[in-house]
Amino acid sequence: MQDKIRTRQYVMTLHAEEEMTDDHLSIFDIERAILTGSVFERQTDHVSGEWK
């Protein structure tokens, strides 16, 4: 994912853009989160118990 962000080889869906707008986030916020973030908790699907 990080390599795709760095080389601008990704597509943001309309749904994702709508969700970003609802949450007052910009594409730069999303890119920064992917480039600098880390996974600190994995959540399970509460219906089936499988990893998402």
Protein backbone atom coordinates (compact mmCIF):
# COMPACT_ATOMS: atom_id res chain seq x y z
CA MET A 1 0.00 0.00 0.00
CA GLN A 2 2.71 2.45 0.93
CA ASP A 3 4.52 1.96 -2.39
CA LYS A 4 1.27 2.57 -4.26
CA ILE A 5 0.69 5.79 -2.30
CA ARG A 6 4.24 7.01 -2.95
CA THR A 7 3.95 6.37 -6.70
CA ARG A 8 0.33 7.57 -6.94
CA GLN A 9 -0.78 4.19 -8.29
CA TYR A 10 -4.14 3.92 -6.58
CA VAL A 11 -7.76 4.86 -7.19
CA MET A 12 -10.03 6.35 -4.56
CA THR A 13 -13.61 5.14 -4.95
CA LEU A 14 -16.58 7.48 -4.89
CA HIS A 15 -17.80 5.75 -1.73
CA ALA A 16 -14.44 6.34 -0.03
CA GLU A 17 -14.52 10.01 -1.03
CA GLU A 18 -18.03 10.36 0.41
CA GLU A 19 -16.92 8.76 3.68
CA MET A 20 -13.87 11.03 3.83
CA THR A 21 -16.08 14.07 3.34
CA ASP A 22 -18.46 12.90 6.08
CA ASP A 23 -15.48 12.54 8.43
CA HIS A 24 -13.89 15.86 7.35
CA LEU A 25 -10.76 14.12 6.03
CA SER A 26 -8.73 14.96 2.94
CA ILE A 27 -6.84 12.61 0.65
CA PHE A 28 -3.67 13.95 2.26
CA ASP A 29 -4.93 12.79 5.68
CA ILE A 30 -5.51 9.30 4.30
CA GLU A 31 -2.15 9.16 2.53
CA ARG A 32 -0.31 10.36 5.66
CA ALA A 33 -2.11 7.76 7.80
CA ILE A 34 -1.11 4.95 5.43
CA LEU A 35 2.49 6.17 5.13
CA THR A 36 3.10 6.80 8.82
CA GLY A 37 0.60 4.58 10.62
CA SER A 38 0.85 1.12 12.06
CA VAL A 39 -1.60 -1.60 13.02
CA PHE A 40 -2.05 -1.65 16.78
CA GLU A 41 -5.22 -3.73 17.01
CA ARG A 42 -6.96 -6.22 14.76
CA GLN A 43 -10.72 -6.44 15.01
CA THR A 44 -12.82 -9.46 14.18
CA ASP A 45 -16.05 -9.62 12.25
CA HIS A 46 -18.59 -9.82 15.07
CA VAL A 47 -21.02 -11.88 12.97
CA SER A 48 -18.75 -14.70 11.89
CA GLY A 49 -15.67 -14.24 14.07
CA GLU A 50 -13.39 -14.12 11.02
CA TRP A 51 -10.63 -11.56 10.52
CA LYS A 52 -11.58 -8.61 8.40
